[in-house]
Amino acid sequence: MGPYNAVVELNERQKKHLRRLGHALHPLVTLGQAGLTDGVAAELERALRDHELVKARARVGDRAARDQAFDQLATRTSSTLVQRIGNVALYFRPNPTLTRIVLPD
């Protein structure tokens, strides 16, 4: 899992800032009917390391299964689930060596 060991706690102002930045992003990771696989977790891991803020799309059964998959994905990647709208989730994890996104206080 690398040097990421703690999920970042975000206040409302920081979440709003990240939602604004994430609005124009396209989903880079897709969960298919197989659900949360090691490959999906690895892909989100890579995307978070490269971009810090990543959208993921889920094509999983019902709402409960989708929400559970999104929550598990955040846990497995030590990232923060910033927003969930329908079948799209927005994840954030700062890169400890090369910070790209500066959060407001």
PDB file of N, CA and C in Angstrom:
ATOM      1  N   MET A   1       0.801  -1.186   0.000  1.00  0.00           N
ATOM      2  CA  MET A   1       0.000   0.000   0.000  1.00  0.00           C
ATOM      3  C   MET A   1       0.855   1.266   0.000  1.00  0.00           C
ATOM      4  N   GLY A   2       2.112   1.169   0.309  1.00  0.00           N
ATOM      5  CA  GLY A   2       2.975   2.337   0.197  1.00  0.00           C
ATOM      6  C   GLY A   2       2.951   3.223   1.426  1.00  0.00           C
ATOM      7  N   PRO A   3       3.348   4.490   1.269  1.00  0.00           N
ATOM      8  CA  PRO A   3       3.487   5.397   2.401  1.00  0.00           C
ATOM      9  C   PRO A   3       2.168   5.994   2.880  1.00  0.00           C
ATOM     10  N   TYR A   4       1.056   5.530   2.369  1.00  0.00           N
ATOM     11  CA  TYR A   4      -0.244   6.084   2.731  1.00  0.00           C
ATOM     12  C   TYR A   4      -0.815   5.252   3.857  1.00  0.00           C
ATOM     13  N   ASN A   5      -0.935   5.835   5.035  1.00  0.00           N
ATOM     14  CA  ASN A   5      -1.404   5.027   6.142  1.00  0.00           C
ATOM     15  C   ASN A   5      -2.576   5.639   6.884  1.00  0.00           C
ATOM     16  N   ALA A   6      -2.939   6.859   6.580  1.00  0.00           N
ATOM     17  CA  ALA A   6      -4.047   7.478   7.295  1.00  0.00           C
ATOM     18  C   ALA A   6      -4.960   8.206   6.318  1.00  0.00           C
ATOM     19  N   VAL A   7      -6.231   8.038   6.534  1.00  0.00           N
ATOM     20  CA  VAL A   7      -7.217   8.738   5.718  1.00  0.00           C
ATOM     21  C   VAL A   7      -7.261  10.189   6.180  1.00  0.00           C
ATOM     22  N   VAL A   8      -7.283  11.106   5.244  1.00  0.00           N
ATOM     23  CA  VAL A   8      -7.307  12.528   5.562  1.00  0.00           C
ATOM     24  C   VAL A   8      -8.712  12.928   5.988  1.00  0.00           C
ATOM     25  N   GLU A   9      -8.814  13.583   7.129  1.00  0.00           N
ATOM     26  CA  GLU A   9     -10.102  14.112   7.577  1.00  0.00           C
ATOM     27  C   GLU A   9     -10.278  15.498   6.956  1.00  0.00           C
ATOM     28  N   LEU A  10     -11.360  15.686   6.227  1.00  0.00           N
ATOM     29  CA  LEU A  10     -11.602  16.944   5.528  1.00  0.00           C
ATOM     30  C   LEU A  10     -12.753  17.705   6.167  1.00  0.00           C
ATOM     31  N   ASN A  11     -12.607  19.027   6.264  1.00  0.00           N
ATOM     32  CA  ASN A  11     -13.735  19.831   6.724  1.00  0.00           C
ATOM     33  C   ASN A  11     -14.607  20.175   5.520  1.00  0.00           C
ATOM     34  N   GLU A  12     -15.745  20.805   5.772  1.00  0.00           N
ATOM     35  CA  GLU A  12     -16.694  21.081   4.684  1.00  0.00           C
ATOM     36  C   GLU A  12     -16.111  21.999   3.610  1.00  0.00           C
ATOM     37  N   ARG A  13     -15.325  22.983   4.038  1.00  0.00           N
ATOM     38  CA  ARG A  13     -14.712  23.893   3.062  1.00  0.00           C
ATOM     39  C   ARG A  13     -13.758  23.146   2.134  1.00  0.00           C
ATOM     40  N   GLN A  14     -12.987  22.212   2.688  1.00  0.00           N
ATOM     41  CA  GLN A  14     -12.058  21.425   1.889  1.00  0.00           C
ATOM     42  C   GLN A  14     -12.801  20.482   0.941  1.00  0.00           C
ATOM     43  N   LYS A  15     -13.880  19.865   1.435  1.00  0.00           N
ATOM     44  CA  LYS A  15     -14.679  18.987   0.575  1.00  0.00           C
ATOM     45  C   LYS A  15     -15.294  19.775  -0.578  1.00  0.00           C
ATOM     46  N   LYS A  16     -15.778  20.960  -0.279  1.00  0.00           N
ATOM     47  CA  LYS A  16     -16.378  21.797  -1.322  1.00  0.00           C
ATOM     48  C   LYS A  16     -15.331  22.151  -2.378  1.00  0.00           C
ATOM     49  N   HIS A  17     -14.123  22.478  -1.938  1.00  0.00           N
ATOM     50  CA  HIS A  17     -13.019  22.796  -2.851  1.00  0.00           C
ATOM     51  C   HIS A  17     -12.710  21.596  -3.753  1.00  0.00           C
ATOM     52  N   LEU A  18     -12.640  20.405  -3.162  1.00  0.00           N
ATOM     53  CA  LEU A  18     -12.344  19.200  -3.938  1.00  0.00           C
ATOM     54  C   LEU A  18     -13.482  18.851  -4.897  1.00  0.00           C
ATOM     55  N   ARG A  19     -14.723  19.043  -4.466  1.00  0.00           N
ATOM     56  CA  ARG A  19     -15.861  18.787  -5.361  1.00  0.00           C
ATOM     57  C   ARG A  19     -15.808  19.728  -6.563  1.00  0.00           C
ATOM     58  N   ARG A  20     -15.427  20.981  -6.317  1.00  0.00           N
ATOM     59  CA  ARG A  20     -15.309  21.955  -7.405  1.00  0.00           C
ATOM     60  C   ARG A  20     -14.223  21.515  -8.391  1.00  0.00           C
ATOM     61  N   LEU A  21     -13.081  21.071  -7.871  1.00  0.00           N
ATOM     62  CA  LEU A  21     -11.994  20.602  -8.743  1.00  0.00           C
ATOM     63  C   LEU A  21     -12.381  19.325  -9.480  1.00  0.00           C
ATOM     64  N   GLY A  22     -13.139  18.459  -8.821  1.00  0.00           N
ATOM     65  CA  GLY A  22     -13.501  17.182  -9.402  1.00  0.00           C
ATOM     66  C   GLY A  22     -14.614  17.254 -10.426  1.00  0.00           C
ATOM     67  N   HIS A  23     -15.327  18.373 -10.459  1.00  0.00           N
ATOM     68  CA  HIS A  23     -16.471  18.503 -11.352  1.00  0.00           C
ATOM     69  C   HIS A  23     -16.101  18.233 -12.817  1.00  0.00           C
ATOM     70  N   ALA A  24     -14.979  18.721 -13.260  1.00  0.00           N
ATOM     71  CA  ALA A  24     -14.588  18.592 -14.665  1.00  0.00           C
ATOM     72  C   ALA A  24     -13.864  17.281 -14.972  1.00  0.00           C
ATOM     73  N   LEU A  25     -13.581  16.479 -13.960  1.00  0.00           N
ATOM     74  CA  LEU A  25     -12.847  15.236 -14.182  1.00  0.00           C
ATOM     75  C   LEU A  25     -13.735  14.161 -14.797  1.00  0.00           C
ATOM     76  N   HIS A  26     -13.108  13.276 -15.540  1.00  0.00           N
ATOM     77  CA  HIS A  26     -13.784  12.102 -16.084  1.00  0.00           C
ATOM     78  C   HIS A  26     -13.374  10.896 -15.242  1.00  0.00           C
ATOM     79  N   PRO A  27     -14.257   9.920 -15.082  1.00  0.00           N
ATOM     80  CA  PRO A  27     -13.892   8.727 -14.309  1.00  0.00           C
ATOM     81  C   PRO A  27     -12.698   8.004 -14.924  1.00  0.00           C
ATOM     82  N   LEU A  28     -11.697   7.725 -14.097  1.00  0.00           N
ATOM     83  CA  LEU A  28     -10.504   7.019 -14.555  1.00  0.00           C
ATOM     84  C   LEU A  28     -10.562   5.542 -14.203  1.00  0.00           C
ATOM     85  N   VAL A  29     -11.396   5.191 -13.231  1.00  0.00           N
ATOM     86  CA  VAL A  29     -11.488   3.822 -12.747  1.00  0.00           C
ATOM     87  C   VAL A  29     -12.939   3.372 -12.848  1.00  0.00           C
ATOM     88  N   THR A  30     -13.155   2.143 -13.313  1.00  0.00           N
ATOM     89  CA  THR A  30     -14.513   1.606 -13.434  1.00  0.00           C
ATOM     90  C   THR A  30     -14.612   0.264 -12.731  1.00  0.00           C
ATOM     91  N   LEU A  31     -15.581   0.153 -11.845  1.00  0.00           N
ATOM     92  CA  LEU A  31     -15.898  -1.127 -11.221  1.00  0.00           C
ATOM     93  C   LEU A  31     -16.954  -1.788 -12.084  1.00  0.00           C
ATOM     94  N   GLY A  32     -16.658  -2.983 -12.559  1.00  0.00           N
ATOM     95  CA  GLY A  32     -17.605  -3.696 -13.413  1.00  0.00           C
ATOM     96  C   GLY A  32     -18.505  -4.608 -12.605  1.00  0.00           C
ATOM     97  N   GLN A  33     -19.165  -5.526 -13.285  1.00  0.00           N
ATOM     98  CA  GLN A  33     -20.076  -6.458 -12.617  1.00  0.00           C
ATOM     99  C   GLN A  33     -19.356  -7.371 -11.634  1.00  0.00           C
ATOM    100  N   ALA A  34     -18.054  -7.553 -11.810  1.00  0.00           N
ATOM    101  CA  ALA A  34     -17.279  -8.382 -10.884  1.00  0.00           C
ATOM    102  C   ALA A  34     -17.097  -7.683  -9.544  1.00  0.00           C
ATOM    103  N   GLY A  35     -17.414  -6.396  -9.485  1.00  0.00           N
ATOM    104  CA  GLY A  35     -17.297  -5.652  -8.231  1.00  0.00           C
ATOM    105  C   GLY A  35     -15.875  -5.212  -7.955  1.00  0.00           C
ATOM    106  N   LEU A  36     -15.538  -5.144  -6.695  1.00  0.00           N
ATOM    107  CA  LEU A  36     -14.227  -4.657  -6.278  1.00  0.00           C
ATOM    108  C   LEU A  36     -13.209  -5.783  -6.375  1.00  0.00           C
ATOM    109  N   THR A  37     -12.366  -5.716  -7.387  1.00  0.00           N
ATOM    110  CA  THR A  37     -11.313  -6.716  -7.583  1.00  0.00           C
ATOM    111  C   THR A  37      -9.971  -6.100  -7.216  1.00  0.00           C
ATOM    112  N   ASP A  38      -8.953  -6.940  -7.118  1.00  0.00           N
ATOM    113  CA  ASP A  38      -7.607  -6.442  -6.838  1.00  0.00           C
ATOM    114  C   ASP A  38      -7.133  -5.500  -7.938  1.00  0.00           C
ATOM    115  N   GLY A  39      -7.517  -5.789  -9.184  1.00  0.00           N
ATOM    116  CA  GLY A  39      -7.129  -4.946 -10.310  1.00  0.00           C
ATOM    117  C   GLY A  39      -7.729  -3.554 -10.219  1.00  0.00           C
ATOM    118  N   VAL A  40      -8.987  -3.472  -9.800  1.00  0.00           N
ATOM    119  CA  VAL A  40      -9.652  -2.167  -9.644  1.00  0.00           C
ATOM    120  C   VAL A  40      -8.972  -1.374  -8.528  1.00  0.00           C
ATOM    121  N   ALA A  41      -8.699  -2.029  -7.407  1.00  0.00           N
ATOM    122  CA  ALA A  41      -8.033  -1.351  -6.288  1.00  0.00           C
ATOM    123  C   ALA A  41      -6.640  -0.869  -6.696  1.00  0.00           C
ATOM    124  N   ALA A  42      -5.916  -1.693  -7.446  1.00  0.00           N
ATOM    125  CA  ALA A  42      -4.574  -1.307  -7.908  1.00  0.00           C
ATOM    126  C   ALA A  42      -4.644  -0.125  -8.873  1.00  0.00           C
ATOM    127  N   GLU A  43      -5.647  -0.103  -9.721  1.00  0.00           N
ATOM    128  CA  GLU A  43      -5.798   0.994 -10.677  1.00  0.00           C
ATOM    129  C   GLU A  43      -6.119   2.303  -9.961  1.00  0.00           C
ATOM    130  N   LEU A  44      -7.000   2.254  -8.957  1.00  0.00           N
ATOM    131  CA  LEU A  44      -7.286   3.464  -8.185  1.00  0.00           C
ATOM    132  C   LEU A  44      -6.058   3.903  -7.399  1.00  0.00           C
ATOM    133  N   GLU A  45      -5.322   2.956  -6.872  1.00  0.00           N
ATOM    134  CA  GLU A  45      -4.078   3.246  -6.149  1.00  0.00           C
ATOM    135  C   GLU A  45      -3.120   4.038  -7.049  1.00  0.00           C
ATOM    136  N   ARG A  46      -2.925   3.563  -8.286  1.00  0.00           N
ATOM    137  CA  ARG A  46      -2.040   4.235  -9.236  1.00  0.00           C
ATOM    138  C   ARG A  46      -2.564   5.620  -9.585  1.00  0.00           C
ATOM    139  N   ALA A  47      -3.865   5.713  -9.845  1.00  0.00           N
ATOM    140  CA  ALA A  47      -4.462   6.990 -10.228  1.00  0.00           C
ATOM    141  C   ALA A  47      -4.357   8.014  -9.102  1.00  0.00           C
ATOM    142  N   LEU A  48      -4.570   7.582  -7.863  1.00  0.00           N
ATOM    143  CA  LEU A  48      -4.449   8.504  -6.723  1.00  0.00           C
ATOM    144  C   LEU A  48      -3.005   8.977  -6.551  1.00  0.00           C
ATOM    145  N   ARG A  49      -2.060   8.079  -6.751  1.00  0.00           N
ATOM    146  CA  ARG A  49      -0.647   8.456  -6.639  1.00  0.00           C
ATOM    147  C   ARG A  49      -0.290   9.502  -7.696  1.00  0.00           C
ATOM    148  N   ASP A  50      -0.839   9.337  -8.905  1.00  0.00           N
ATOM    149  CA  ASP A  50      -0.524  10.248 -10.004  1.00  0.00           C
ATOM    150  C   ASP A  50      -1.313  11.551  -9.965  1.00  0.00           C
ATOM    151  N   HIS A  51      -2.567  11.506  -9.514  1.00  0.00           N
ATOM    152  CA  HIS A  51      -3.451  12.669  -9.637  1.00  0.00           C
ATOM    153  C   HIS A  51      -3.995  13.230  -8.323  1.00  0.00           C
ATOM    154  N   GLU A  52      -3.991  12.464  -7.251  1.00  0.00           N
ATOM    155  CA  GLU A  52      -4.520  12.833  -5.930  1.00  0.00           C
ATOM    156  C   GLU A  52      -6.049  12.900  -5.873  1.00  0.00           C
ATOM    157  N   LEU A  53      -6.712  13.358  -6.919  1.00  0.00           N
ATOM    158  CA  LEU A  53      -8.162  13.474  -6.948  1.00  0.00           C
ATOM    159  C   LEU A  53      -8.664  12.676  -8.155  1.00  0.00           C
ATOM    160  N   VAL A  54      -9.483  11.649  -7.901  1.00  0.00           N
ATOM    161  CA  VAL A  54      -9.869  10.717  -8.957  1.00  0.00           C
ATOM    162  C   VAL A  54     -11.354  10.387  -8.863  1.00  0.00           C
ATOM    163  N   LYS A  55     -11.993  10.324 -10.026  1.00  0.00           N
ATOM    164  CA  LYS A  55     -13.376   9.856 -10.096  1.00  0.00           C
ATOM    165  C   LYS A  55     -13.372   8.380 -10.471  1.00  0.00           C
ATOM    166  N   ALA A  56     -14.318   7.650  -9.868  1.00  0.00           N
ATOM    167  CA  ALA A  56     -14.507   6.235 -10.191  1.00  0.00           C
ATOM    168  C   ALA A  56     -15.978   6.007 -10.495  1.00  0.00           C
ATOM    169  N   ARG A  57     -16.235   5.126 -11.430  1.00  0.00           N
ATOM    170  CA  ARG A  57     -17.616   4.787 -11.812  1.00  0.00           C
ATOM    171  C   ARG A  57     -17.857   3.327 -11.452  1.00  0.00           C
ATOM    172  N   ALA A  58     -19.051   3.036 -10.969  1.00  0.00           N
ATOM    173  CA  ALA A  58     -19.413   1.657 -10.609  1.00  0.00           C
ATOM    174  C   ALA A  58     -20.578   1.187 -11.462  1.00  0.00           C
ATOM    175  N   ARG A  59     -20.408   0.036 -12.044  1.00  0.00           N
ATOM    176  CA  ARG A  59     -21.483  -0.602 -12.800  1.00  0.00           C
ATOM    177  C   ARG A  59     -21.853  -1.894 -12.062  1.00  0.00           C
ATOM    178  N   VAL A  60     -22.143  -1.706 -10.792  1.00  0.00           N
ATOM    179  CA  VAL A  60     -22.477  -2.815  -9.899  1.00  0.00           C
ATOM    180  C   VAL A  60     -23.967  -2.765  -9.639  1.00  0.00           C
ATOM    181  N   GLY A  61     -24.580  -3.906  -9.405  1.00  0.00           N
ATOM    182  CA  GLY A  61     -26.002  -4.067  -9.155  1.00  0.00           C
ATOM    183  C   GLY A  61     -26.785  -2.896  -8.597  1.00  0.00           C
ATOM    184  N   ASP A  62     -27.283  -3.036  -7.399  1.00  0.00           N
ATOM    185  CA  ASP A  62     -28.161  -2.023  -6.810  1.00  0.00           C
ATOM    186  C   ASP A  62     -27.375  -0.972  -6.034  1.00  0.00           C
ATOM    187  N   ARG A  63     -28.095  -0.014  -5.484  1.00  0.00           N
ATOM    188  CA  ARG A  63     -27.478   1.114  -4.774  1.00  0.00           C
ATOM    189  C   ARG A  63     -26.678   0.643  -3.567  1.00  0.00           C
ATOM    190  N   ALA A  64     -27.209  -0.287  -2.799  1.00  0.00           N
ATOM    191  CA  ALA A  64     -26.505  -0.760  -1.597  1.00  0.00           C
ATOM    192  C   ALA A  64     -25.181  -1.422  -1.967  1.00  0.00           C
ATOM    193  N   ALA A  65     -25.174  -2.240  -3.004  1.00  0.00           N
ATOM    194  CA  ALA A  65     -23.942  -2.904  -3.446  1.00  0.00           C
ATOM    195  C   ALA A  65     -22.935  -1.877  -3.954  1.00  0.00           C
ATOM    196  N   ARG A  66     -23.422  -0.889  -4.671  1.00  0.00           N
ATOM    197  CA  ARG A  66     -22.547   0.161  -5.202  1.00  0.00           C
ATOM    198  C   ARG A  66     -21.931   0.979  -4.062  1.00  0.00           C
ATOM    199  N   ASP A  67     -22.750   1.383  -3.099  1.00  0.00           N
ATOM    200  CA  ASP A  67     -22.241   2.160  -1.966  1.00  0.00           C
ATOM    201  C   ASP A  67     -21.228   1.369  -1.150  1.00  0.00           C
ATOM    202  N   GLN A  68     -21.492   0.083  -0.966  1.00  0.00           N
ATOM    203  CA  GLN A  68     -20.563  -0.763  -0.239  1.00  0.00           C
ATOM    204  C   GLN A  68     -19.240  -0.891  -0.987  1.00  0.00           C
ATOM    205  N   ALA A  69     -19.300  -1.051  -2.312  1.00  0.00           N
ATOM    206  CA  ALA A  69     -18.079  -1.148  -3.120  1.00  0.00           C
ATOM    207  C   ALA A  69     -17.278   0.149  -3.047  1.00  0.00           C
ATOM    208  N   PHE A  70     -17.964   1.299  -3.109  1.00  0.00           N
ATOM    209  CA  PHE A  70     -17.269   2.588  -3.000  1.00  0.00           C
ATOM    210  C   PHE A  70     -16.583   2.727  -1.644  1.00  0.00           C
ATOM    211  N   ASP A  71     -17.271   2.353  -0.568  1.00  0.00           N
ATOM    212  CA  ASP A  71     -16.693   2.444   0.777  1.00  0.00           C
ATOM    213  C   ASP A  71     -15.490   1.516   0.927  1.00  0.00           C
ATOM    214  N   GLN A  72     -15.609   0.294   0.415  1.00  0.00           N
ATOM    215  CA  GLN A  72     -14.502  -0.661   0.493  1.00  0.00           C
ATOM    216  C   GLN A  72     -13.303  -0.191  -0.320  1.00  0.00           C
ATOM    217  N   LEU A  73     -13.564   0.435  -1.448  1.00  0.00           N
ATOM    218  CA  LEU A  73     -12.486   0.948  -2.289  1.00  0.00           C
ATOM    219  C   LEU A  73     -11.720   2.045  -1.565  1.00  0.00           C
ATOM    220  N   ALA A  74     -12.433   2.915  -0.864  1.00  0.00           N
ATOM    221  CA  ALA A  74     -11.775   3.968  -0.080  1.00  0.00           C
ATOM    222  C   ALA A  74     -10.912   3.355   1.019  1.00  0.00           C
ATOM    223  N   THR A  75     -11.427   2.344   1.688  1.00  0.00           N
ATOM    224  CA  THR A  75     -10.681   1.682   2.759  1.00  0.00           C
ATOM    225  C   THR A  75      -9.433   1.000   2.218  1.00  0.00           C
ATOM    226  N   ARG A  76      -9.565   0.277   1.112  1.00  0.00           N
ATOM    227  CA  ARG A  76      -8.422  -0.461   0.552  1.00  0.00           C
ATOM    228  C   ARG A  76      -7.329   0.445   0.023  1.00  0.00           C
ATOM    229  N   THR A  77      -7.669   1.662  -0.383  1.00  0.00           N
ATOM    230  CA  THR A  77      -6.670   2.572  -0.941  1.00  0.00           C
ATOM    231  C   THR A  77      -6.264   3.670   0.038  1.00  0.00           C
ATOM    232  N   SER A  78      -6.759   3.612   1.271  1.00  0.00           N
ATOM    233  CA  SER A  78      -6.483   4.639   2.289  1.00  0.00           C
ATOM    234  C   SER A  78      -6.783   6.036   1.752  1.00  0.00           C
ATOM    235  N   SER A  79      -7.893   6.146   1.035  1.00  0.00           N
ATOM    236  CA  SER A  79      -8.285   7.436   0.472  1.00  0.00           C
ATOM    237  C   SER A  79      -9.569   7.918   1.137  1.00  0.00           C
ATOM    238  N   THR A  80      -9.920   9.155   0.865  1.00  0.00           N
ATOM    239  CA  THR A  80     -11.123   9.751   1.413  1.00  0.00           C
ATOM    240  C   THR A  80     -12.175   9.809   0.319  1.00  0.00           C
ATOM    241  N   LEU A  81     -13.347   9.288   0.615  1.00  0.00           N
ATOM    242  CA  LEU A  81     -14.475   9.383  -0.302  1.00  0.00           C
ATOM    243  C   LEU A  81     -15.090  10.762  -0.110  1.00  0.00           C
ATOM    244  N   VAL A  82     -14.832  11.651  -1.062  1.00  0.00           N
ATOM    245  CA  VAL A  82     -15.258  13.046  -0.950  1.00  0.00           C
ATOM    246  C   VAL A  82     -16.724  13.199  -1.297  1.00  0.00           C
ATOM    247  N   GLN A  83     -17.157  12.519  -2.357  1.00  0.00           N
ATOM    248  CA  GLN A  83     -18.518  12.702  -2.860  1.00  0.00           C
ATOM    249  C   GLN A  83     -18.959  11.446  -3.602  1.00  0.00           C
ATOM    250  N   ARG A  84     -20.257  11.191  -3.520  1.00  0.00           N
ATOM    251  CA  ARG A  84     -20.842  10.072  -4.244  1.00  0.00           C
ATOM    252  C   ARG A  84     -22.147  10.570  -4.841  1.00  0.00           C
ATOM    253  N   ILE A  85     -22.233  10.539  -6.158  1.00  0.00           N
ATOM    254  CA  ILE A  85     -23.466  10.934  -6.852  1.00  0.00           C
ATOM    255  C   ILE A  85     -23.797   9.822  -7.840  1.00  0.00           C
ATOM    256  N   GLY A  86     -24.908   9.148  -7.596  1.00  0.00           N
ATOM    257  CA  GLY A  86     -25.315   8.066  -8.483  1.00  0.00           C
ATOM    258  C   GLY A  86     -24.269   6.982  -8.537  1.00  0.00           C
ATOM    259  N   ASN A  87     -23.776   6.696  -9.724  1.00  0.00           N
ATOM    260  CA  ASN A  87     -22.787   5.627  -9.874  1.00  0.00           C
ATOM    261  C   ASN A  87     -21.363   6.162  -9.994  1.00  0.00           C
ATOM    262  N   VAL A  88     -21.144   7.404  -9.574  1.00  0.00           N
ATOM    263  CA  VAL A  88     -19.808   8.010  -9.644  1.00  0.00           C
ATOM    264  C   VAL A  88     -19.376   8.477  -8.251  1.00  0.00           C
ATOM    265  N   ALA A  89     -18.130   8.172  -7.898  1.00  0.00           N
ATOM    266  CA  ALA A  89     -17.566   8.585  -6.614  1.00  0.00           C
ATOM    267  C   ALA A  89     -16.291   9.380  -6.859  1.00  0.00           C
ATOM    268  N   LEU A  90     -16.008  10.306  -5.957  1.00  0.00           N
ATOM    269  CA  LEU A  90     -14.810  11.136  -6.038  1.00  0.00           C
ATOM    270  C   LEU A  90     -13.922  10.826  -4.841  1.00  0.00           C
ATOM    271  N   TYR A  91     -12.679  10.411  -5.111  1.00  0.00           N
ATOM    272  CA  TYR A  91     -11.728  10.031  -4.069  1.00  0.00           C
ATOM    273  C   TYR A  91     -10.566  11.019  -4.024  1.00  0.00           C
ATOM    274  N   PHE A  92     -10.040  11.233  -2.807  1.00  0.00           N
ATOM    275  CA  PHE A  92      -8.889  12.116  -2.632  1.00  0.00           C
ATOM    276  C   PHE A  92      -7.889  11.440  -1.704  1.00  0.00           C
ATOM    277  N   ARG A  93      -6.618  11.532  -2.084  1.00  0.00           N
ATOM    278  CA  ARG A  93      -5.525  11.107  -1.218  1.00  0.00           C
ATOM    279  C   ARG A  93      -4.302  11.926  -1.596  1.00  0.00           C
ATOM    280  N   PRO A  94      -3.799  12.741  -0.669  1.00  0.00           N
ATOM    281  CA  PRO A  94      -2.623  13.553  -0.996  1.00  0.00           C
ATOM    282  C   PRO A  94      -1.385  12.681  -1.190  1.00  0.00           C
ATOM    283  N   ASN A  95      -0.559  13.088  -2.130  1.00  0.00           N
ATOM    284  CA  ASN A  95       0.708  12.405  -2.366  1.00  0.00           C
ATOM    285  C   ASN A  95       1.721  12.994  -1.393  1.00  0.00           C
ATOM    286  N   PRO A  96       2.340  12.169  -0.526  1.00  0.00           N
ATOM    287  CA  PRO A  96       3.251  12.711   0.487  1.00  0.00           C
ATOM    288  C   PRO A  96       4.548  13.291  -0.079  1.00  0.00           C
ATOM    289  N   THR A  97       4.933  12.895  -1.282  1.00  0.00           N
ATOM    290  CA  THR A  97       6.192  13.389  -1.844  1.00  0.00           C
ATOM    291  C   THR A  97       6.004  14.508  -2.857  1.00  0.00           C
ATOM    292  N   LEU A  98       4.865  14.542  -3.548  1.00  0.00           N
ATOM    293  CA  LEU A  98       4.637  15.567  -4.560  1.00  0.00           C
ATOM    294  C   LEU A  98       3.174  16.017  -4.506  1.00  0.00           C
ATOM    295  N   THR A  99       2.911  17.019  -3.696  1.00  0.00           N
ATOM    296  CA  THR A  99       1.553  17.501  -3.517  1.00  0.00           C
ATOM    297  C   THR A  99       1.142  18.345  -4.706  1.00  0.00           C
ATOM    298  N   ARG A 100       0.014  18.004  -5.305  1.00  0.00           N
ATOM    299  CA  ARG A 100      -0.512  18.742  -6.440  1.00  0.00           C
ATOM    300  C   ARG A 100      -1.686  19.634  -6.071  1.00  0.00           C
ATOM    301  N   ILE A 101      -2.452  19.189  -5.071  1.00  0.00           N
ATOM    302  CA  ILE A 101      -3.652  19.922  -4.675  1.00  0.00           C
ATOM    303  C   ILE A 101      -3.432  20.518  -3.289  1.00  0.00           C
ATOM    304  N   VAL A 102      -3.579  21.826  -3.204  1.00  0.00           N
ATOM    305  CA  VAL A 102      -3.441  22.526  -1.934  1.00  0.00           C
ATOM    306  C   VAL A 102      -4.841  22.778  -1.390  1.00  0.00           C
ATOM    307  N   LEU A 103      -5.077  22.264  -0.188  1.00  0.00           N
ATOM    308  CA  LEU A 103      -6.391  22.418   0.429  1.00  0.00           C
ATOM    309  C   LEU A 103      -6.486  23.718   1.215  1.00  0.00           C
ATOM    310  N   PRO A 104      -7.643  24.364   1.195  1.00  0.00           N
ATOM    311  CA  PRO A 104      -7.825  25.551   2.038  1.00  0.00           C
ATOM    312  C   PRO A 104      -7.903  25.130   3.509  1.00  0.00           C
ATOM    313  N   ASP A 105      -7.670  26.072   4.395  1.00  0.00           N
ATOM    314  CA  ASP A 105      -7.750  25.778   5.845  1.00  0.00           C
ATOM    315  C   ASP A 105      -9.167  25.628   6.306  1.00  0.00           C
TER     316      ASP A 105
END
